[in-house]
């Protein structure tokens, strides 16, 4: 959540740079991940998004 407590609607962007994955998110958030960590993060995000949709009745 952002500082105001509202969910961000802008998606992060991921790019591969010199063998690592750089995830640029909203509000200047940037994370550098190994390929393995990036894959697991992607799976975790998809799983959490599916659960959030079920919780909000959007499934």
PDB file of N, CA and C in Angstrom:
ATOM      1  N   UNK A   1       0.841  -1.190   0.000  1.00  0.00           N
ATOM      2  CA  UNK A   1       0.000   0.000   0.000  1.00  0.00           C
ATOM      3  C   UNK A   1       0.878   1.242   0.000  1.00  0.00           C
ATOM      4  N   UNK A   2       0.363   2.284  -0.586  1.00  0.00           N
ATOM      5  CA  UNK A   2       1.132   3.519  -0.561  1.00  0.00           C
ATOM      6  C   UNK A   2       0.931   4.218   0.779  1.00  0.00           C
ATOM      7  N   UNK A   3       1.532   5.359   0.965  1.00  0.00           N
ATOM      8  CA  UNK A   3       1.510   6.032   2.260  1.00  0.00           C
ATOM      9  C   UNK A   3       0.117   6.457   2.690  1.00  0.00           C
ATOM     10  N   UNK A   4      -0.785   6.689   1.765  1.00  0.00           N
ATOM     11  CA  UNK A   4      -2.141   7.114   2.107  1.00  0.00           C
ATOM     12  C   UNK A   4      -3.037   5.924   2.438  1.00  0.00           C
ATOM     13  N   UNK A   5      -2.511   4.703   2.364  1.00  0.00           N
ATOM     14  CA  UNK A   5      -3.301   3.532   2.681  1.00  0.00           C
ATOM     15  C   UNK A   5      -4.138   3.014   1.530  1.00  0.00           C
ATOM     16  N   UNK A   6      -3.949   3.556   0.353  1.00  0.00           N
ATOM     17  CA  UNK A   6      -4.678   3.125  -0.827  1.00  0.00           C
ATOM     18  C   UNK A   6      -3.791   2.211  -1.666  1.00  0.00           C
ATOM     19  N   UNK A   7      -4.404   1.216  -2.288  1.00  0.00           N
ATOM     20  CA  UNK A   7      -3.647   0.317  -3.159  1.00  0.00           C
ATOM     21  C   UNK A   7      -3.201   1.053  -4.418  1.00  0.00           C
ATOM     22  N   UNK A   8      -1.998   0.784  -4.844  1.00  0.00           N
ATOM     23  CA  UNK A   8      -1.445   1.381  -6.065  1.00  0.00           C
ATOM     24  C   UNK A   8      -2.062   0.696  -7.278  1.00  0.00           C
ATOM     25  N   UNK A   9      -2.436   1.474  -8.272  1.00  0.00           N
ATOM     26  CA  UNK A   9      -3.013   0.928  -9.502  1.00  0.00           C
ATOM     27  C   UNK A   9      -2.008   0.840 -10.639  1.00  0.00           C
ATOM     28  N   UNK A  10      -0.831   1.398 -10.470  1.00  0.00           N
ATOM     29  CA  UNK A  10       0.198   1.355 -11.513  1.00  0.00           C
ATOM     30  C   UNK A  10       1.044   0.104 -11.341  1.00  0.00           C
ATOM     31  N   UNK A  11       1.254  -0.610 -12.431  1.00  0.00           N
ATOM     32  CA  UNK A  11       2.069  -1.826 -12.387  1.00  0.00           C
ATOM     33  C   UNK A  11       3.550  -1.478 -12.383  1.00  0.00           C
ATOM     34  N   UNK A  12       4.342  -2.345 -11.768  1.00  0.00           N
ATOM     35  CA  UNK A  12       5.787  -2.214 -11.846  1.00  0.00           C
ATOM     36  C   UNK A  12       6.273  -2.736 -13.190  1.00  0.00           C
ATOM     37  N   UNK A  13       7.465  -2.355 -13.556  1.00  0.00           N
ATOM     38  CA  UNK A  13       8.078  -2.804 -14.806  1.00  0.00           C
ATOM     39  C   UNK A  13       9.360  -3.559 -14.479  1.00  0.00           C
ATOM     40  N   UNK A  14       9.544  -4.698 -15.098  1.00  0.00           N
ATOM     41  CA  UNK A  14      10.734  -5.507 -14.865  1.00  0.00           C
ATOM     42  C   UNK A  14      11.561  -5.609 -16.137  1.00  0.00           C
ATOM     43  N   UNK A  15      12.877  -5.496 -15.973  1.00  0.00           N
ATOM     44  CA  UNK A  15      13.802  -5.649 -17.093  1.00  0.00           C
ATOM     45  C   UNK A  15      14.997  -6.467 -16.624  1.00  0.00           C
ATOM     46  N   UNK A  16      15.612  -7.184 -17.555  1.00  0.00           N
ATOM     47  CA  UNK A  16      16.840  -7.921 -17.277  1.00  0.00           C
ATOM     48  C   UNK A  16      18.022  -7.038 -17.640  1.00  0.00           C
ATOM     49  N   UNK A  17      18.970  -6.921 -16.698  1.00  0.00           N
ATOM     50  CA  UNK A  17      20.151  -6.097 -16.908  1.00  0.00           C
ATOM     51  C   UNK A  17      21.366  -6.845 -16.355  1.00  0.00           C
ATOM     52  N   UNK A  18      22.274  -7.201 -17.233  1.00  0.00           N
ATOM     53  CA  UNK A  18      23.533  -7.843 -16.809  1.00  0.00           C
ATOM     54  C   UNK A  18      23.308  -9.061 -15.914  1.00  0.00           C
ATOM     55  N   UNK A  19      22.315  -9.883 -16.240  1.00  0.00           N
ATOM     56  CA  UNK A  19      22.104 -11.132 -15.523  1.00  0.00           C
ATOM     57  C   UNK A  19      21.265 -11.043 -14.266  1.00  0.00           C
ATOM     58  N   UNK A  20      20.707  -9.875 -13.979  1.00  0.00           N
ATOM     59  CA  UNK A  20      19.792  -9.726 -12.854  1.00  0.00           C
ATOM     60  C   UNK A  20      18.498  -9.099 -13.352  1.00  0.00           C
ATOM     61  N   UNK A  21      17.477  -9.159 -12.521  1.00  0.00           N
ATOM     62  CA  UNK A  21      16.196  -8.555 -12.872  1.00  0.00           C
ATOM     63  C   UNK A  21      16.009  -7.309 -12.020  1.00  0.00           C
ATOM     64  N   UNK A  22      15.702  -6.203 -12.668  1.00  0.00           N
ATOM     65  CA  UNK A  22      15.444  -4.947 -11.974  1.00  0.00           C
ATOM     66  C   UNK A  22      13.952  -4.673 -12.075  1.00  0.00           C
ATOM     67  N   UNK A  23      13.304  -4.550 -10.915  1.00  0.00           N
ATOM     68  CA  UNK A  23      11.879  -4.250 -10.851  1.00  0.00           C
ATOM     69  C   UNK A  23      11.725  -2.807 -10.408  1.00  0.00           C
ATOM     70  N   UNK A  24      11.164  -1.980 -11.293  1.00  0.00           N
ATOM     71  CA  UNK A  24      10.880  -0.586 -10.973  1.00  0.00           C
ATOM     72  C   UNK A  24       9.396  -0.478 -10.677  1.00  0.00           C
ATOM     73  N   UNK A  25       9.107  -0.030  -9.478  1.00  0.00           N
ATOM     74  CA  UNK A  25       7.719   0.103  -9.069  1.00  0.00           C
ATOM     75  C   UNK A  25       7.319   1.558  -8.898  1.00  0.00           C
ATOM     76  N   UNK A  26       6.093   1.753  -8.455  1.00  0.00           N
ATOM     77  CA  UNK A  26       5.602   3.108  -8.226  1.00  0.00           C
ATOM     78  C   UNK A  26       6.371   3.798  -7.094  1.00  0.00           C
ATOM     79  N   UNK A  27       6.296   5.100  -7.059  1.00  0.00           N
ATOM     80  CA  UNK A  27       6.903   5.913  -5.999  1.00  0.00           C
ATOM     81  C   UNK A  27       8.398   5.712  -5.867  1.00  0.00           C
ATOM     82  N   UNK A  28       9.074   5.387  -6.968  1.00  0.00           N
ATOM     83  CA  UNK A  28      10.519   5.272  -6.963  1.00  0.00           C
ATOM     84  C   UNK A  28      11.066   3.992  -6.350  1.00  0.00           C
ATOM     85  N   UNK A  29      10.202   3.022  -6.109  1.00  0.00           N
ATOM     86  CA  UNK A  29      10.662   1.745  -5.556  1.00  0.00           C
ATOM     87  C   UNK A  29      11.432   0.992  -6.638  1.00  0.00           C
ATOM     88  N   UNK A  30      12.614   0.500  -6.295  1.00  0.00           N
ATOM     89  CA  UNK A  30      13.402  -0.307  -7.235  1.00  0.00           C
ATOM     90  C   UNK A  30      14.028  -1.452  -6.466  1.00  0.00           C
ATOM     91  N   UNK A  31      13.940  -2.653  -7.046  1.00  0.00           N
ATOM     92  CA  UNK A  31      14.488  -3.852  -6.425  1.00  0.00           C
ATOM     93  C   UNK A  31      15.281  -4.606  -7.482  1.00  0.00           C
ATOM     94  N   UNK A  32      16.457  -5.074  -7.103  1.00  0.00           N
ATOM     95  CA  UNK A  32      17.272  -5.901  -7.988  1.00  0.00           C
ATOM     96  C   UNK A  32      17.235  -7.330  -7.448  1.00  0.00           C
ATOM     97  N   UNK A  33      16.857  -8.285  -8.313  1.00  0.00           N
ATOM     98  CA  UNK A  33      16.676  -9.670  -7.910  1.00  0.00           C
ATOM     99  C   UNK A  33      17.477 -10.608  -8.803  1.00  0.00           C
ATOM    100  N   UNK A  34      17.893 -11.724  -8.218  1.00  0.00           N
ATOM    101  CA  UNK A  34      18.477 -12.779  -9.036  1.00  0.00           C
ATOM    102  C   UNK A  34      17.359 -13.368  -9.895  1.00  0.00           C
ATOM    103  N   UNK A  35      17.689 -14.066 -10.972  1.00  0.00           N
ATOM    104  CA  UNK A  35      16.643 -14.691 -11.780  1.00  0.00           C
ATOM    105  C   UNK A  35      15.746 -15.623 -10.961  1.00  0.00           C
ATOM    106  N   UNK A  36      16.330 -16.418 -10.060  1.00  0.00           N
ATOM    107  CA  UNK A  36      15.518 -17.320  -9.236  1.00  0.00           C
ATOM    108  C   UNK A  36      14.573 -16.547  -8.323  1.00  0.00           C
ATOM    109  N   UNK A  37      15.084 -15.508  -7.687  1.00  0.00           N
ATOM    110  CA  UNK A  37      14.245 -14.701  -6.795  1.00  0.00           C
ATOM    111  C   UNK A  37      13.148 -13.991  -7.580  1.00  0.00           C
ATOM    112  N   UNK A  38      13.461 -13.546  -8.785  1.00  0.00           N
ATOM    113  CA  UNK A  38      12.453 -12.880  -9.614  1.00  0.00           C
ATOM    114  C   UNK A  38      11.334 -13.844  -9.996  1.00  0.00           C
ATOM    115  N   UNK A  39      11.691 -15.081 -10.361  1.00  0.00           N
ATOM    116  CA  UNK A  39      10.667 -16.073 -10.704  1.00  0.00           C
ATOM    117  C   UNK A  39       9.766 -16.361  -9.517  1.00  0.00           C
ATOM    118  N   UNK A  40      10.347 -16.546  -8.339  1.00  0.00           N
ATOM    119  CA  UNK A  40       9.535 -16.831  -7.159  1.00  0.00           C
ATOM    120  C   UNK A  40       8.680 -15.625  -6.783  1.00  0.00           C
ATOM    121  N   UNK A  41       9.228 -14.424  -6.909  1.00  0.00           N
ATOM    122  CA  UNK A  41       8.457 -13.216  -6.636  1.00  0.00           C
ATOM    123  C   UNK A  41       7.268 -13.123  -7.571  1.00  0.00           C
ATOM    124  N   UNK A  42       7.478 -13.448  -8.843  1.00  0.00           N
ATOM    125  CA  UNK A  42       6.380 -13.433  -9.809  1.00  0.00           C
ATOM    126  C   UNK A  42       5.278 -14.408  -9.421  1.00  0.00           C
ATOM    127  N   UNK A  43       5.674 -15.622  -9.019  1.00  0.00           N
ATOM    128  CA  UNK A  43       4.678 -16.610  -8.586  1.00  0.00           C
ATOM    129  C   UNK A  43       3.941 -16.118  -7.345  1.00  0.00           C
ATOM    130  N   UNK A  44       4.683 -15.548  -6.395  1.00  0.00           N
ATOM    131  CA  UNK A  44       4.060 -15.032  -5.178  1.00  0.00           C
ATOM    132  C   UNK A  44       3.067 -13.910  -5.481  1.00  0.00           C
ATOM    133  N   UNK A  45       3.435 -13.032  -6.394  1.00  0.00           N
ATOM    134  CA  UNK A  45       2.543 -11.928  -6.764  1.00  0.00           C
ATOM    135  C   UNK A  45       1.258 -12.440  -7.414  1.00  0.00           C
ATOM    136  N   UNK A  46       1.377 -13.409  -8.314  1.00  0.00           N
ATOM    137  CA  UNK A  46       0.194 -13.967  -8.970  1.00  0.00           C
ATOM    138  C   UNK A  46      -0.714 -14.636  -7.947  1.00  0.00           C
ATOM    139  N   UNK A  47      -0.131 -15.404  -7.054  1.00  0.00           N
ATOM    140  CA  UNK A  47      -0.920 -16.076  -6.018  1.00  0.00           C
ATOM    141  C   UNK A  47      -1.637 -15.066  -5.123  1.00  0.00           C
ATOM    142  N   UNK A  48      -0.933 -14.035  -4.710  1.00  0.00           N
ATOM    143  CA  UNK A  48      -1.535 -13.018  -3.850  1.00  0.00           C
ATOM    144  C   UNK A  48      -2.626 -12.243  -4.586  1.00  0.00           C
ATOM    145  N   UNK A  49      -2.418 -11.961  -5.872  1.00  0.00           N
ATOM    146  CA  UNK A  49      -3.429 -11.253  -6.650  1.00  0.00           C
ATOM    147  C   UNK A  49      -4.698 -12.086  -6.785  1.00  0.00           C
ATOM    148  N   UNK A  50      -4.535 -13.385  -7.008  1.00  0.00           N
ATOM    149  CA  UNK A  50      -5.695 -14.269  -7.106  1.00  0.00           C
ATOM    150  C   UNK A  50      -6.472 -14.289  -5.784  1.00  0.00           C
ATOM    151  N   UNK A  51      -5.757 -14.367  -4.663  1.00  0.00           N
ATOM    152  CA  UNK A  51      -6.406 -14.369  -3.354  1.00  0.00           C
ATOM    153  C   UNK A  51      -7.099 -13.040  -3.086  1.00  0.00           C
ATOM    154  N   UNK A  52      -6.460 -11.934  -3.434  1.00  0.00           N
ATOM    155  CA  UNK A  52      -7.065 -10.616  -3.230  1.00  0.00           C
ATOM    156  C   UNK A  52      -8.350 -10.479  -4.038  1.00  0.00           C
ATOM    157  N   UNK A  53      -8.368 -11.017  -5.266  1.00  0.00           N
ATOM    158  CA  UNK A  53      -9.588 -10.964  -6.074  1.00  0.00           C
ATOM    159  C   UNK A  53     -10.703 -11.768  -5.416  1.00  0.00           C
ATOM    160  N   UNK A  54     -10.361 -12.946  -4.893  1.00  0.00           N
ATOM    161  CA  UNK A  54     -11.374 -13.759  -4.199  1.00  0.00           C
ATOM    162  C   UNK A  54     -11.914 -12.999  -2.988  1.00  0.00           C
ATOM    163  N   UNK A  55     -11.034 -12.354  -2.247  1.00  0.00           N
ATOM    164  CA  UNK A  55     -11.446 -11.617  -1.060  1.00  0.00           C
ATOM    165  C   UNK A  55     -12.365 -10.448  -1.390  1.00  0.00           C
ATOM    166  N   UNK A  56     -12.122  -9.821  -2.530  1.00  0.00           N
ATOM    167  CA  UNK A  56     -12.938  -8.654  -2.904  1.00  0.00           C
ATOM    168  C   UNK A  56     -14.155  -9.035  -3.745  1.00  0.00           C
ATOM    169  N   UNK A  57     -14.294 -10.322  -4.047  1.00  0.00           N
ATOM    170  CA  UNK A  57     -15.448 -10.769  -4.820  1.00  0.00           C
ATOM    171  C   UNK A  57     -15.319 -10.557  -6.314  1.00  0.00           C
ATOM    172  N   UNK A  58     -14.105 -10.249  -6.784  1.00  0.00           N
ATOM    173  CA  UNK A  58     -13.869  -9.999  -8.205  1.00  0.00           C
ATOM    174  C   UNK A  58     -13.489 -11.264  -8.971  1.00  0.00           C
ATOM    175  N   UNK A  59     -13.447 -12.409  -8.286  1.00  0.00           N
ATOM    176  CA  UNK A  59     -13.005 -13.644  -8.933  1.00  0.00           C
ATOM    177  C   UNK A  59     -14.027 -14.161  -9.925  1.00  0.00           C
TER     178      UNK A  59
END
